[in-house]
Amino acid sequence: MKIIQPVRLSAAEHRALKPEGLVQMKNERVQLYLYGDVGRVFGGFGSQDIADALSGKKGPLDIFISSDGGDAHEGVSIFNILARYPGHKTAYVDGLAASAASVILMAADERIMGVGSQVMVHGAWSGVMGNPAKLREAADKLELITNSIAEIYVSRTKQSPEKVDEWVKSEETWFNADEAVANGLADRVDRIQTPGAENKITEPKRLSKMDYARLNARIAQKK
């Protein structure tokens, strides 16, 4: 089996992207960059943007994520759009996949954490003003979307509903790269390899008594 390394955009290429230009083609792979907030209401990318960007596209899809999250409903919508995409989907967490962005991450067939990257999971929340009936209505809606999100986590992480319920009922549940893999939120960590390095720690050579004697002799000669 060949492991194909994705070709990421350069900084200049990424700055040149328009909000509606989330997709690039590299080496016959479709590459989707989800950097920023989830939802147009937050000034970020929305589900319609993703649907338009992927319209007519086919082939392997690389999804690069670095997002604090945003609109929960938009996150679920984007999850479903990506889940229906016909090609193999590989998601890369380049920095953070938090809140709604962690839901989007679950749509990929393979989920890869970058070194130092994190995932944050929590239930839906909102700011509401109104009378007691209005507040109770808002609480019911929040519980409904939280339960829907929990079902997605359960299906992709293979964790028990009780375990996932702990995650989403907490204010925030954070995972580093290795913890995300251990809890089923990701499949592996993309370790940075130095070309030619064997990643071994070389023990320093210990000086013998003879070496010390020679060293002291050289120091004495320089005085």
Protein backbone atom coordinates (compact mmCIF):
# COMPACT_ATOMS: atom_id res chain seq x y z
CA MET A 1 0.00 0.00 0.00
CA LYS A 2 1.32 3.40 -0.95
CA ILE A 3 1.07 6.31 1.46
CA ILE A 4 0.50 9.49 -0.54
CA GLN A 5 1.62 12.63 1.22
CA PRO A 6 -0.66 15.62 0.59
CA VAL A 7 0.84 18.78 -0.87
CA ARG A 8 -0.20 21.69 1.33
CA LEU A 9 -0.69 25.19 -0.02
CA SER A 10 2.06 27.70 0.54
CA ALA A 11 1.34 30.69 2.79
CA ALA A 12 1.01 32.94 -0.28
CA GLU A 13 -1.40 30.52 -1.96
CA HIS A 14 -3.53 30.32 1.14
CA ARG A 15 -3.71 34.12 1.54
CA ALA A 16 -4.92 34.33 -2.04
CA LEU A 17 -7.94 32.11 -1.37
CA LYS A 18 -11.34 33.78 -1.46
CA PRO A 19 -14.03 32.66 1.03
CA GLU A 20 -15.73 30.84 -1.82
CA GLY A 21 -12.44 29.32 -2.98
CA LEU A 22 -11.93 26.74 -0.26
CA VAL A 23 -10.91 23.98 -2.66
CA GLN A 24 -7.65 23.49 -4.54
CA MET A 25 -6.44 20.63 -6.74
CA LYS A 26 -3.01 19.18 -6.01
CA ASN A 27 -1.61 16.02 -7.59
CA GLU A 28 -5.09 14.88 -8.67
CA ARG A 29 -6.34 15.18 -5.08
CA VAL A 30 -9.12 17.53 -3.99
CA GLN A 31 -7.95 19.65 -1.06
CA LEU A 32 -10.41 21.45 1.21
CA TYR A 33 -9.09 24.06 3.65
CA LEU A 34 -11.35 24.64 6.66
CA TYR A 35 -9.43 27.38 8.45
CA GLY A 36 -11.45 29.79 10.59
CA ASP A 37 -14.89 29.76 12.15
CA VAL A 38 -17.75 27.43 11.24
CA GLY A 39 -20.72 29.41 9.90
CA ARG A 40 -21.16 32.54 7.83
CA VAL A 41 -22.78 34.22 10.83
CA PHE A 42 -19.32 34.18 12.45
CA GLY A 43 -17.60 35.38 9.28
CA GLY A 44 -16.36 31.90 8.43
CA PHE A 45 -17.29 29.12 6.02
CA GLY A 46 -20.82 27.74 5.85
CA SER A 47 -22.44 24.56 4.64
CA GLN A 48 -23.46 26.20 1.36
CA ASP A 49 -19.82 27.19 0.78
CA ILE A 50 -18.72 23.57 1.22
CA ALA A 51 -21.51 22.22 -0.99
CA ASP A 52 -20.63 24.70 -3.75
CA ALA A 53 -16.88 24.10 -3.41
CA LEU A 54 -17.23 20.33 -3.77
CA SER A 55 -19.89 20.39 -6.48
CA GLY A 56 -18.71 18.27 -9.41
CA LYS A 57 -15.49 17.27 -7.63
CA LYS A 58 -14.37 13.66 -7.43
CA GLY A 59 -11.34 11.69 -6.32
CA PRO A 60 -9.54 11.51 -2.96
CA LEU A 61 -10.34 14.42 -0.65
CA ASP A 62 -7.86 15.92 1.83
CA ILE A 63 -9.50 18.09 4.50
CA PHE A 64 -7.24 20.45 6.46
CA ILE A 65 -8.80 21.73 9.69
CA SER A 66 -7.78 24.54 12.01
CA SER A 67 -10.89 25.96 13.64
CA ASP A 68 -12.24 27.07 17.01
CA GLY A 69 -15.69 25.89 15.91
CA GLY A 70 -18.83 27.97 15.56
CA ASP A 71 -22.43 27.24 14.58
CA ALA A 72 -23.46 23.75 15.76
CA HIS A 73 -26.13 23.25 13.09
CA GLU A 74 -23.70 24.29 10.35
CA GLY A 75 -21.16 21.85 11.76
CA VAL A 76 -23.64 18.98 11.52
CA SER A 77 -24.64 20.06 8.01
CA ILE A 78 -21.01 20.14 6.84
CA PHE A 79 -20.44 16.74 8.48
CA ASN A 80 -23.24 15.26 6.38
CA ILE A 81 -22.08 16.97 3.17
CA LEU A 82 -18.59 15.53 3.63
CA ALA A 83 -19.92 12.11 4.68
CA ARG A 84 -21.76 11.90 1.34
CA TYR A 85 -18.69 12.86 -0.69
CA PRO A 86 -17.99 9.86 -2.98
CA GLY A 87 -14.18 9.71 -2.65
CA HIS A 88 -11.92 8.60 0.19
CA LYS A 89 -11.66 11.37 2.77
CA THR A 90 -8.55 12.11 4.87
CA ALA A 91 -8.75 14.86 7.49
CA TYR A 92 -5.70 16.58 8.96
CA VAL A 93 -5.98 18.59 12.19
CA ASP A 94 -3.34 21.24 11.58
CA GLY A 95 -3.95 23.12 14.82
CA LEU A 96 -7.29 22.77 16.55
CA ALA A 97 -10.57 21.03 15.78
CA ALA A 98 -12.85 22.43 18.46
CA SER A 99 -16.58 22.38 19.02
CA ALA A 100 -18.40 22.24 15.65
CA ALA A 101 -15.07 21.62 13.88
CA SER A 102 -14.61 18.40 15.86
CA VAL A 103 -17.97 17.23 14.48
CA ILE A 104 -16.76 17.95 10.94
CA LEU A 105 -13.60 15.93 11.67
CA MET A 106 -15.77 12.85 12.27
CA ALA A 107 -16.84 12.79 8.59
CA ALA A 108 -13.41 11.65 7.37
CA ASP A 109 -12.51 8.03 6.66
CA GLU A 110 -9.05 8.67 8.14
CA ARG A 111 -8.40 11.35 10.76
CA ILE A 112 -4.81 12.45 11.31
CA MET A 113 -3.60 14.71 14.13
CA GLY A 114 -0.71 17.05 13.49
CA VAL A 115 2.04 17.28 16.09
CA GLY A 116 0.85 19.58 18.86
CA SER A 117 -2.72 19.67 17.55
CA GLN A 118 -5.79 19.33 19.76
CA VAL A 119 -9.47 18.39 19.69
CA MET A 120 -12.09 19.98 21.94
CA VAL A 121 -15.56 18.51 22.45
CA HIS A 122 -18.53 20.03 24.25
CA GLY A 123 -22.30 20.26 24.07
CA ALA A 124 -24.19 23.02 22.32
CA TRP A 125 -24.53 26.33 24.14
CA SER A 126 -26.16 29.68 23.50
CA GLY A 127 -26.97 33.05 25.00
CA VAL A 128 -30.72 33.57 25.47
CA MET A 129 -32.88 36.36 26.88
CA GLY A 130 -36.56 36.01 27.72
CA ASN A 131 -39.13 34.79 30.19
CA PRO A 132 -38.97 31.37 31.91
CA ALA A 133 -40.92 29.67 29.11
CA LYS A 134 -38.50 31.05 26.52
CA LEU A 135 -35.50 29.89 28.54
CA ARG A 136 -36.96 26.39 28.95
CA GLU A 137 -37.61 26.21 25.21
CA ALA A 138 -34.02 27.24 24.50
CA ALA A 139 -32.71 24.62 26.94
CA ASP A 140 -34.74 21.90 25.22
CA LYS A 141 -33.32 22.90 21.83
CA LEU A 142 -29.77 22.88 23.19
CA GLU A 143 -30.28 19.42 24.66
CA LEU A 144 -31.65 18.18 21.33
CA ILE A 145 -28.65 19.36 19.28
CA THR A 146 -26.23 18.13 21.98
CA ASN A 147 -27.75 14.65 21.83
CA SER A 148 -27.55 14.69 18.02
CA ILE A 149 -23.87 15.61 18.15
CA ALA A 150 -23.24 12.90 20.76
CA GLU A 151 -24.66 10.30 18.37
CA ILE A 152 -22.07 11.32 15.76
CA TYR A 153 -19.22 10.97 18.27
CA VAL A 154 -20.48 7.56 19.41
CA SER A 155 -20.71 6.26 15.84
CA ARG A 156 -17.19 7.35 14.91
CA THR A 157 -15.24 6.88 18.14
CA LYS A 158 -16.84 3.55 19.17
CA GLN A 159 -16.97 4.90 22.71
CA SER A 160 -19.99 4.10 24.85
CA PRO A 161 -22.88 6.59 24.92
CA GLU A 162 -22.16 7.08 28.63
CA LYS A 163 -18.54 8.06 27.95
CA VAL A 164 -19.47 10.48 25.18
CA ASP A 165 -22.21 11.91 27.41
CA GLU A 166 -19.49 12.80 29.93
CA TRP A 167 -17.61 14.68 27.20
CA VAL A 168 -20.55 16.71 25.94
CA LYS A 169 -22.08 17.41 29.36
CA SER A 170 -18.79 18.90 30.59
CA GLU A 171 -18.20 22.56 29.83
CA GLU A 172 -15.25 21.57 27.61
CA THR A 173 -13.35 18.30 27.13
CA TRP A 174 -9.88 18.69 25.64
CA PHE A 175 -7.68 16.06 23.99
CA ASN A 176 -4.09 16.38 22.83
CA ALA A 177 -3.05 14.51 19.69
CA ASP A 178 -2.28 11.20 21.40
CA GLU A 179 -5.38 11.39 23.61
CA ALA A 180 -7.55 12.03 20.55
CA VAL A 181 -6.24 8.81 19.00
CA ALA A 182 -6.64 6.86 22.24
CA ASN A 183 -10.28 7.96 22.52
CA GLY A 184 -11.20 7.25 18.91
CA LEU A 185 -11.49 10.87 17.82
CA ALA A 186 -8.56 10.38 15.44
CA ASP A 187 -6.72 7.46 13.86
CA ARG A 188 -3.07 8.44 14.14
CA VAL A 189 -0.60 11.25 14.79
CA ASP A 190 1.44 12.57 11.88
CA ARG A 191 4.91 12.64 13.45
CA ILE A 192 7.45 15.05 12.02
CA GLN A 193 10.47 13.16 10.71
CA THR A 194 13.81 14.86 10.10
CA PRO A 195 15.18 13.69 6.72
CA GLY A 196 17.99 11.20 7.27
CA ALA A 197 17.57 11.16 11.03
CA GLU A 198 17.03 7.90 12.88
CA ASN A 199 15.39 9.63 15.84
CA LYS A 200 17.94 8.08 18.21
CA ILE A 201 19.41 9.78 21.25
CA THR A 202 23.15 9.38 21.08
CA GLU A 203 24.86 8.96 24.42
CA PRO A 204 27.85 11.29 24.80
CA LYS A 205 31.24 9.62 24.83
CA ARG A 206 32.59 9.32 28.34
CA LEU A 207 36.18 10.45 28.83
CA SER A 208 38.65 7.97 30.29
CA LYS A 209 41.28 8.89 32.88
CA MET A 210 43.82 9.02 30.03
CA ASP A 211 41.59 11.43 28.10
CA TYR A 212 41.32 13.70 31.14
CA ALA A 213 45.11 13.62 31.58
CA ARG A 214 45.66 14.63 27.94
CA LEU A 215 43.03 17.38 28.21
CA ASN A 216 44.62 18.80 31.36
CA ALA A 217 48.03 18.71 29.68
CA ARG A 218 46.73 20.73 26.72
CA ILE A 219 45.14 23.29 29.04
CA ALA A 220 48.40 23.63 30.96
CA GLN A 221 50.32 24.26 27.71
CA LYS A 222 47.99 27.15 26.80
CA LYS A 223 48.52 28.95 30.10
